[in-house]
PDB file of N, CA and C in Angstrom:
ATOM      1  N   UNK A   1      10.369  26.525 -87.641  1.00  0.00           N
ATOM      2  CA  UNK A   1      10.102  25.091 -87.571  1.00  0.00           C
ATOM      3  C   UNK A   1      10.600  24.475 -88.883  1.00  0.00           C
ATOM      4  N   UNK A   2      11.451  23.443 -88.791  1.00  0.00           N
ATOM      5  CA  UNK A   2      11.969  22.797 -90.000  1.00  0.00           C
ATOM      6  C   UNK A   2      11.069  21.636 -90.440  1.00  0.00           C
ATOM      7  N   UNK A   3      11.407  21.017 -91.580  1.00  0.00           N
ATOM      8  CA  UNK A   3      10.570  19.950 -92.137  1.00  0.00           C
ATOM      9  C   UNK A   3      10.437  18.758 -91.202  1.00  0.00           C
ATOM     10  N   UNK A   4      11.506  18.415 -90.487  1.00  0.00           N
ATOM     11  CA  UNK A   4      11.447  17.276 -89.559  1.00  0.00           C
ATOM     12  C   UNK A   4      10.457  17.563 -88.430  1.00  0.00           C
ATOM     13  N   UNK A   5      10.456  18.785 -87.926  1.00  0.00           N
ATOM     14  CA  UNK A   5       9.504  19.171 -86.869  1.00  0.00           C
ATOM     15  C   UNK A   5       8.071  19.156 -87.398  1.00  0.00           C
ATOM     16  N   UNK A   6       7.894  19.680 -88.603  1.00  0.00           N
ATOM     17  CA  UNK A   6       6.559  19.694 -89.215  1.00  0.00           C
ATOM     18  C   UNK A   6       6.084  18.263 -89.426  1.00  0.00           C
ATOM     19  N   UNK A   7       6.959  17.391 -89.912  1.00  0.00           N
ATOM     20  CA  UNK A   7       6.588  15.987 -90.112  1.00  0.00           C
ATOM     21  C   UNK A   7       6.120  15.371 -88.805  1.00  0.00           C
ATOM     22  N   UNK A   8       6.848  15.577 -87.732  1.00  0.00           N
ATOM     23  CA  UNK A   8       6.462  14.998 -86.444  1.00  0.00           C
ATOM     24  C   UNK A   8       5.120  15.542 -85.965  1.00  0.00           C
ATOM     25  N   UNK A   9       4.873  16.823 -86.165  1.00  0.00           N
ATOM     26  CA  UNK A   9       3.578  17.414 -85.798  1.00  0.00           C
ATOM     27  C   UNK A   9       2.446  16.771 -86.610  1.00  0.00           C
ATOM     28  N   UNK A  10       2.675  16.578 -87.906  1.00  0.00           N
ATOM     29  CA  UNK A  10       1.650  15.992 -88.767  1.00  0.00           C
ATOM     30  C   UNK A  10       1.403  14.536 -88.381  1.00  0.00           C
ATOM     31  N   UNK A  11       2.469  13.803 -88.080  1.00  0.00           N
ATOM     32  CA  UNK A  11       2.305  12.410 -87.651  1.00  0.00           C
ATOM     33  C   UNK A  11       1.498  12.337 -86.359  1.00  0.00           C
ATOM     34  N   UNK A  12       1.703  13.295 -85.473  1.00  0.00           N
ATOM     35  CA  UNK A  12       0.933  13.324 -84.223  1.00  0.00           C
ATOM     36  C   UNK A  12      -0.545  13.572 -84.510  1.00  0.00           C
ATOM     37  N   UNK A  13      -0.831  14.438 -85.465  1.00  0.00           N
ATOM     38  CA  UNK A  13      -2.225  14.686 -85.858  1.00  0.00           C
ATOM     39  C   UNK A  13      -2.846  13.392 -86.366  1.00  0.00           C
ATOM     40  N   UNK A  14      -2.120  12.651 -87.194  1.00  0.00           N
ATOM     41  CA  UNK A  14      -2.630  11.374 -87.702  1.00  0.00           C
ATOM     42  C   UNK A  14      -2.885  10.405 -86.555  1.00  0.00           C
ATOM     43  N   UNK A  15      -1.927  10.287 -85.641  1.00  0.00           N
ATOM     44  CA  UNK A  15      -2.096   9.390 -84.488  1.00  0.00           C
ATOM     45  C   UNK A  15      -3.291   9.803 -83.629  1.00  0.00           C
ATOM     46  N   UNK A  16      -3.448  11.091 -83.436  1.00  0.00           N
ATOM     47  CA  UNK A  16      -4.570  11.599 -82.633  1.00  0.00           C
ATOM     48  C   UNK A  16      -5.922  11.284 -83.276  1.00  0.00           C
ATOM     49  N   UNK A  17      -5.898  10.973 -84.550  1.00  0.00           N
ATOM     50  CA  UNK A  17      -7.115  10.629 -85.285  1.00  0.00           C
ATOM     51  C   UNK A  17      -7.169   9.134 -85.597  1.00  0.00           C
ATOM     52  N   UNK A  18      -6.560   8.342 -84.717  1.00  0.00           N
ATOM     53  CA  UNK A  18      -6.627   6.877 -84.765  1.00  0.00           C
ATOM     54  C   UNK A  18      -6.039   6.259 -86.034  1.00  0.00           C
ATOM     55  N   UNK A  19      -4.993   6.886 -86.563  1.00  0.00           N
ATOM     56  CA  UNK A  19      -4.275   6.315 -87.693  1.00  0.00           C
ATOM     57  C   UNK A  19      -2.938   5.805 -87.161  1.00  0.00           C
ATOM     58  N   UNK A  20      -2.715   4.516 -87.350  1.00  0.00           N
ATOM     59  CA  UNK A  20      -1.479   3.901 -86.869  1.00  0.00           C
ATOM     60  C   UNK A  20      -0.307   4.391 -87.712  1.00  0.00           C
ATOM     61  N   UNK A  21       0.804   4.675 -87.055  1.00  0.00           N
ATOM     62  CA  UNK A  21       2.027   5.108 -87.733  1.00  0.00           C
ATOM     63  C   UNK A  21       3.033   3.965 -87.667  1.00  0.00           C
ATOM     64  N   UNK A  22       3.564   3.602 -88.838  1.00  0.00           N
ATOM     65  CA  UNK A  22       4.621   2.591 -88.890  1.00  0.00           C
ATOM     66  C   UNK A  22       5.824   3.192 -89.598  1.00  0.00           C
ATOM     67  N   UNK A  23       6.973   3.064 -88.963  1.00  0.00           N
ATOM     68  CA  UNK A  23       8.221   3.571 -89.542  1.00  0.00           C
ATOM     69  C   UNK A  23       8.997   2.385 -90.096  1.00  0.00           C
ATOM     70  N   UNK A  24       9.208   2.401 -91.421  1.00  0.00           N
ATOM     71  CA  UNK A  24       9.867   1.294 -92.114  1.00  0.00           C
ATOM     72  C   UNK A  24      10.871   1.852 -93.117  1.00  0.00           C
ATOM     73  N   UNK A  25      11.874   1.045 -93.442  1.00  0.00           N
ATOM     74  CA  UNK A  25      12.787   1.386 -94.532  1.00  0.00           C
ATOM     75  C   UNK A  25      12.161   0.869 -95.815  1.00  0.00           C
ATOM     76  N   UNK A  26      11.782   1.796 -96.690  1.00  0.00           N
ATOM     77  CA  UNK A  26      11.057   1.433 -97.908  1.00  0.00           C
ATOM     78  C   UNK A  26      11.784   1.896 -99.168  1.00  0.00           C
ATOM     79  N   UNK A  27      13.062   2.185 -99.065  1.00  0.00           N
ATOM     80  CA  UNK A  27      13.850   2.524-100.237  1.00  0.00           C
ATOM     81  C   UNK A  27      13.914   3.996-100.598  1.00  0.00           C
ATOM     82  N   UNK A  28      13.276   4.850 -99.831  1.00  0.00           N
ATOM     83  CA  UNK A  28      13.356   6.281-100.085  1.00  0.00           C
ATOM     84  C   UNK A  28      12.254   6.844-100.953  1.00  0.00           C
ATOM     85  N   UNK A  29      11.448   5.984-101.572  1.00  0.00           N
ATOM     86  CA  UNK A  29      10.369   6.464-102.440  1.00  0.00           C
ATOM     87  C   UNK A  29       9.009   5.977-101.978  1.00  0.00           C
ATOM     88  N   UNK A  30       8.963   5.353-100.819  1.00  0.00           N
ATOM     89  CA  UNK A  30       7.720   4.760-100.348  1.00  0.00           C
ATOM     90  C   UNK A  30       7.029   5.623 -99.325  1.00  0.00           C
ATOM     91  N   UNK A  31       6.179   4.974 -98.584  1.00  0.00           N
ATOM     92  CA  UNK A  31       5.439   5.677 -97.545  1.00  0.00           C
ATOM     93  C   UNK A  31       4.095   6.128 -98.037  1.00  0.00           C
ATOM     94  N   UNK A  32       3.205   6.321 -97.078  1.00  0.00           N
ATOM     95  CA  UNK A  32       1.892   6.807 -97.418  1.00  0.00           C
ATOM     96  C   UNK A  32       0.808   6.097 -96.644  1.00  0.00           C
ATOM     97  N   UNK A  33      -0.406   6.454 -96.954  1.00  0.00           N
ATOM     98  CA  UNK A  33      -1.578   5.961 -96.255  1.00  0.00           C
ATOM     99  C   UNK A  33      -2.140   4.739 -96.964  1.00  0.00           C
ATOM    100  N   UNK A  34      -2.512   3.741 -96.185  1.00  0.00           N
ATOM    101  CA  UNK A  34      -3.189   2.569 -96.726  1.00  0.00           C
ATOM    102  C   UNK A  34      -4.112   2.014 -95.646  1.00  0.00           C
ATOM    103  N   UNK A  35      -4.849   0.985 -96.000  1.00  0.00           N
ATOM    104  CA  UNK A  35      -5.715   0.302 -95.028  1.00  0.00           C
ATOM    105  C   UNK A  35      -5.249  -1.141 -94.932  1.00  0.00           C
ATOM    106  N   UNK A  36      -5.131  -1.605 -93.704  1.00  0.00           N
ATOM    107  CA  UNK A  36      -4.788  -2.992 -93.437  1.00  0.00           C
ATOM    108  C   UNK A  36      -5.901  -3.543 -92.564  1.00  0.00           C
ATOM    109  N   UNK A  37      -6.602  -4.533 -93.108  1.00  0.00           N
ATOM    110  CA  UNK A  37      -7.769  -5.108 -92.431  1.00  0.00           C
ATOM    111  C   UNK A  37      -8.757  -4.023 -92.017  1.00  0.00           C
ATOM    112  N   UNK A  38      -8.953  -3.055 -92.901  1.00  0.00           N
ATOM    113  CA  UNK A  38      -9.920  -1.997 -92.670  1.00  0.00           C
ATOM    114  C   UNK A  38      -9.453  -0.858 -91.788  1.00  0.00           C
ATOM    115  N   UNK A  39      -8.258  -0.976 -91.217  1.00  0.00           N
ATOM    116  CA  UNK A  39      -7.739   0.058 -90.308  1.00  0.00           C
ATOM    117  C   UNK A  39      -6.716   0.924 -91.048  1.00  0.00           C
ATOM    118  N   UNK A  40      -6.848   2.254 -90.952  1.00  0.00           N
ATOM    119  CA  UNK A  40      -5.886   3.121 -91.639  1.00  0.00           C
ATOM    120  C   UNK A  40      -4.507   3.058 -90.986  1.00  0.00           C
ATOM    121  N   UNK A  41      -3.496   2.940 -91.837  1.00  0.00           N
ATOM    122  CA  UNK A  41      -2.100   2.881 -91.399  1.00  0.00           C
ATOM    123  C   UNK A  41      -1.300   3.832 -92.281  1.00  0.00           C
ATOM    124  N   UNK A  42      -0.454   4.632 -91.658  1.00  0.00           N
ATOM    125  CA  UNK A  42       0.428   5.518 -92.417  1.00  0.00           C
ATOM    126  C   UNK A  42       1.854   5.013 -92.268  1.00  0.00           C
ATOM    127  N   UNK A  43       2.482   4.698 -93.401  1.00  0.00           N
ATOM    128  CA  UNK A  43       3.863   4.237 -93.406  1.00  0.00           C
ATOM    129  C   UNK A  43       4.794   5.420 -93.632  1.00  0.00           C
ATOM    130  N   UNK A  44       5.767   5.559 -92.740  1.00  0.00           N
ATOM    131  CA  UNK A  44       6.818   6.566 -92.868  1.00  0.00           C
ATOM    132  C   UNK A  44       8.048   5.849 -93.406  1.00  0.00           C
ATOM    133  N   UNK A  45       8.489   6.245 -94.600  1.00  0.00           N
ATOM    134  CA  UNK A  45       9.696   5.668 -95.184  1.00  0.00           C
ATOM    135  C   UNK A  45      10.896   6.340 -94.527  1.00  0.00           C
ATOM    136  N   UNK A  46      11.604   5.593 -93.710  1.00  0.00           N
ATOM    137  CA  UNK A  46      12.737   6.162 -92.972  1.00  0.00           C
ATOM    138  C   UNK A  46      13.915   6.514 -93.879  1.00  0.00           C
ATOM    139  N   UNK A  47      13.878   6.056 -95.114  1.00  0.00           N
ATOM    140  CA  UNK A  47      14.953   6.390 -96.044  1.00  0.00           C
ATOM    141  C   UNK A  47      14.608   7.613 -96.897  1.00  0.00           C
ATOM    142  N   UNK A  48      13.389   8.103 -96.786  1.00  0.00           N
ATOM    143  CA  UNK A  48      12.974   9.299 -97.527  1.00  0.00           C
ATOM    144  C   UNK A  48      13.316  10.540 -96.716  1.00  0.00           C
ATOM    145  N   UNK A  49      13.428  11.653 -97.387  1.00  0.00           N
ATOM    146  CA  UNK A  49      13.701  12.915 -96.716  1.00  0.00           C
ATOM    147  C   UNK A  49      12.494  13.399 -95.931  1.00  0.00           C
ATOM    148  N   UNK A  50      12.750  14.165 -94.893  1.00  0.00           N
ATOM    149  CA  UNK A  50      11.677  14.695 -94.056  1.00  0.00           C
ATOM    150  C   UNK A  50      10.710  15.557 -94.851  1.00  0.00           C
ATOM    151  N   UNK A  51      11.221  16.353 -95.775  1.00  0.00           N
ATOM    152  CA  UNK A  51      10.362  17.232 -96.565  1.00  0.00           C
ATOM    153  C   UNK A  51       9.402  16.416 -97.420  1.00  0.00           C
ATOM    154  N   UNK A  52       9.906  15.369 -98.068  1.00  0.00           N
ATOM    155  CA  UNK A  52       9.051  14.515 -98.901  1.00  0.00           C
ATOM    156  C   UNK A  52       7.996  13.808 -98.064  1.00  0.00           C
ATOM    157  N   UNK A  53       8.394  13.261 -96.934  1.00  0.00           N
ATOM    158  CA  UNK A  53       7.444  12.550 -96.073  1.00  0.00           C
ATOM    159  C   UNK A  53       6.432  13.513 -95.469  1.00  0.00           C
ATOM    160  N   UNK A  54       6.842  14.736 -95.172  1.00  0.00           N
ATOM    161  CA  UNK A  54       5.908  15.724 -94.626  1.00  0.00           C
ATOM    162  C   UNK A  54       4.810  16.032 -95.637  1.00  0.00           C
ATOM    163  N   UNK A  55       5.155  16.123 -96.902  1.00  0.00           N
ATOM    164  CA  UNK A  55       4.158  16.375 -97.945  1.00  0.00           C
ATOM    165  C   UNK A  55       3.198  15.202 -98.055  1.00  0.00           C
ATOM    166  N   UNK A  56       3.726  13.983 -98.049  1.00  0.00           N
ATOM    167  CA  UNK A  56       2.885  12.788 -98.133  1.00  0.00           C
ATOM    168  C   UNK A  56       1.970  12.706 -96.912  1.00  0.00           C
ATOM    169  N   UNK A  57       2.508  12.994 -95.733  1.00  0.00           N
ATOM    170  CA  UNK A  57       1.712  12.961 -94.505  1.00  0.00           C
ATOM    171  C   UNK A  57       0.643  14.056 -94.521  1.00  0.00           C
ATOM    172  N   UNK A  58       0.982  15.222 -95.047  1.00  0.00           N
ATOM    173  CA  UNK A  58       0.010  16.317 -95.133  1.00  0.00           C
ATOM    174  C   UNK A  58      -1.159  15.920 -96.024  1.00  0.00           C
ATOM    175  N   UNK A  59      -0.881  15.219 -97.109  1.00  0.00           N
ATOM    176  CA  UNK A  59      -1.950  14.755 -97.987  1.00  0.00           C
ATOM    177  C   UNK A  59      -2.852  13.758 -97.258  1.00  0.00           C
ATOM    178  N   UNK A  60      -2.252  12.918 -96.420  1.00  0.00           N
ATOM    179  CA  UNK A  60      -3.041  11.963 -95.639  1.00  0.00           C
ATOM    180  C   UNK A  60      -3.941  12.696 -94.649  1.00  0.00           C
ATOM    181  N   UNK A  61      -3.418  13.743 -94.040  1.00  0.00           N
ATOM    182  CA  UNK A  61      -4.224  14.540 -93.103  1.00  0.00           C
ATOM    183  C   UNK A  61      -5.405  15.153 -93.840  1.00  0.00           C
ATOM    184  N   UNK A  62      -5.169  15.718 -95.026  1.00  0.00           N
ATOM    185  CA  UNK A  62      -6.256  16.330 -95.790  1.00  0.00           C
ATOM    186  C   UNK A  62      -7.328  15.300 -96.148  1.00  0.00           C
ATOM    187  N   UNK A  63      -6.916  14.058 -96.329  1.00  0.00           N
ATOM    188  CA  UNK A  63      -7.848  12.997 -96.698  1.00  0.00           C
ATOM    189  C   UNK A  63      -8.631  12.457 -95.505  1.00  0.00           C
ATOM    190  N   UNK A  64      -8.008  12.403 -94.338  1.00  0.00           N
ATOM    191  CA  UNK A  64      -8.580  11.673 -93.200  1.00  0.00           C
ATOM    192  C   UNK A  64      -9.022  12.511 -92.011  1.00  0.00           C
ATOM    193  N   UNK A  65      -8.632  13.745 -91.948  1.00  0.00           N
ATOM    194  CA  UNK A  65      -8.858  14.546 -90.746  1.00  0.00           C
ATOM    195  C   UNK A  65      -9.754  15.738 -91.092  1.00  0.00           C
ATOM    196  N   UNK A  66     -10.727  16.000 -90.233  1.00  0.00           N
ATOM    197  CA  UNK A  66     -11.571  17.174 -90.390  1.00  0.00           C
ATOM    198  C   UNK A  66     -10.776  18.380 -89.887  1.00  0.00           C
ATOM    199  N   UNK A  67     -10.214  19.122 -90.819  1.00  0.00           N
ATOM    200  CA  UNK A  67      -9.345  20.238 -90.456  1.00  0.00           C
ATOM    201  C   UNK A  67     -10.087  21.357 -89.733  1.00  0.00           C
ATOM    202  N   UNK A  68     -11.376  21.463 -89.957  1.00  0.00           N
ATOM    203  CA  UNK A  68     -12.163  22.506 -89.306  1.00  0.00           C
ATOM    204  C   UNK A  68     -12.376  22.214 -87.818  1.00  0.00           C
ATOM    205  N   UNK A  69     -12.306  20.952 -87.430  1.00  0.00           N
ATOM    206  CA  UNK A  69     -12.570  20.568 -86.045  1.00  0.00           C
ATOM    207  C   UNK A  69     -11.298  20.204 -85.280  1.00  0.00           C
ATOM    208  N   UNK A  70     -10.147  20.400 -85.895  1.00  0.00           N
ATOM    209  CA  UNK A  70      -8.885  19.989 -85.293  1.00  0.00           C
ATOM    210  C   UNK A  70      -7.983  21.193 -85.097  1.00  0.00           C
ATOM    211  N   UNK A  71      -7.459  21.346 -83.869  1.00  0.00           N
ATOM    212  CA  UNK A  71      -6.487  22.418 -83.654  1.00  0.00           C
ATOM    213  C   UNK A  71      -5.158  21.980 -84.249  1.00  0.00           C
ATOM    214  N   UNK A  72      -4.610  22.833 -85.079  1.00  0.00           N
ATOM    215  CA  UNK A  72      -3.299  22.594 -85.690  1.00  0.00           C
ATOM    216  C   UNK A  72      -2.522  23.895 -85.588  1.00  0.00           C
ATOM    217  N   UNK A  73      -1.270  23.810 -85.163  1.00  0.00           N
ATOM    218  CA  UNK A  73      -0.441  25.011 -85.070  1.00  0.00           C
ATOM    219  C   UNK A  73      -0.456  25.735 -86.412  1.00  0.00           C
ATOM    220  N   UNK A  74      -0.513  27.064 -86.387  1.00  0.00           N
ATOM    221  CA  UNK A  74      -0.642  27.835 -87.631  1.00  0.00           C
ATOM    222  C   UNK A  74       0.396  27.480 -88.702  1.00  0.00           C
ATOM    223  N   UNK A  75       1.646  27.337 -88.324  1.00  0.00           N
ATOM    224  CA  UNK A  75       2.691  27.028 -89.299  1.00  0.00           C
ATOM    225  C   UNK A  75       2.477  25.649 -89.924  1.00  0.00           C
ATOM    226  N   UNK A  76       2.027  24.695 -89.119  1.00  0.00           N
ATOM    227  CA  UNK A  76       1.766  23.344 -89.613  1.00  0.00           C
ATOM    228  C   UNK A  76       0.517  23.348 -90.491  1.00  0.00           C
ATOM    229  N   UNK A  77      -0.509  24.069 -90.078  1.00  0.00           N
ATOM    230  CA  UNK A  77      -1.736  24.173 -90.881  1.00  0.00           C
ATOM    231  C   UNK A  77      -1.420  24.756 -92.262  1.00  0.00           C
ATOM    232  N   UNK A  78      -0.619  25.802 -92.293  1.00  0.00           N
ATOM    233  CA  UNK A  78      -0.246  26.423 -93.569  1.00  0.00           C
ATOM    234  C   UNK A  78       0.489  25.412 -94.449  1.00  0.00           C
ATOM    235  N   UNK A  79       1.395  24.645 -93.852  1.00  0.00           N
ATOM    236  CA  UNK A  79       2.123  23.623 -94.614  1.00  0.00           C
ATOM    237  C   UNK A  79       1.146  22.605 -95.188  1.00  0.00           C
ATOM    238  N   UNK A  80       0.217  22.119 -94.365  1.00  0.00           N
ATOM    239  CA  UNK A  80      -0.755  21.122 -94.818  1.00  0.00           C
ATOM    240  C   UNK A  80      -1.607  21.675 -95.956  1.00  0.00           C
ATOM    241  N   UNK A  81      -2.095  22.888 -95.794  1.00  0.00           N
ATOM    242  CA  UNK A  81      -2.967  23.481 -96.813  1.00  0.00           C
ATOM    243  C   UNK A  81      -2.247  23.699 -98.131  1.00  0.00           C
ATOM    244  N   UNK A  82      -0.934  23.951 -98.093  1.00  0.00           N
ATOM    245  CA  UNK A  82      -0.166  24.225 -99.314  1.00  0.00           C
ATOM    246  C   UNK A  82       0.570  23.013 -99.850  1.00  0.00           C
ATOM    247  N   UNK A  83       0.525  21.888 -99.141  1.00  0.00           N
ATOM    248  CA  UNK A  83       1.263  20.697 -99.571  1.00  0.00           C
ATOM    249  C   UNK A  83       0.667  20.128-100.845  1.00  0.00           C
ATOM    250  N   UNK A  84       1.541  19.854-101.780  1.00  0.00           N
ATOM    251  CA  UNK A  84       1.137  19.275-103.058  1.00  0.00           C
ATOM    252  C   UNK A  84       2.339  18.555-103.647  1.00  0.00           C
ATOM    253  N   UNK A  85       2.116  17.325-104.021  1.00  0.00           N
ATOM    254  CA  UNK A  85       3.226  16.535-104.574  1.00  0.00           C
ATOM    255  C   UNK A  85       3.626  17.013-105.920  1.00  0.00           C
TER     256      UNK A  85
END
């Protein structure tokens, strides 16, 4: 599984946990989790690399998702657990 596949899996986990995903061109250094009117939104910077966005998304999952109660494919879980900026 490559970084683009892992990113898509992580984004699906965020969506499954009621976090809105927005894909925007943010200059390659943007993206991340924020709240808009109290609702969590994750911005995917379409100009950033998949590997960088996967790490940022993994950090959002660690912050917002109960990993003990969520099924995550083993390879994706390992990526999330080891992700560090």
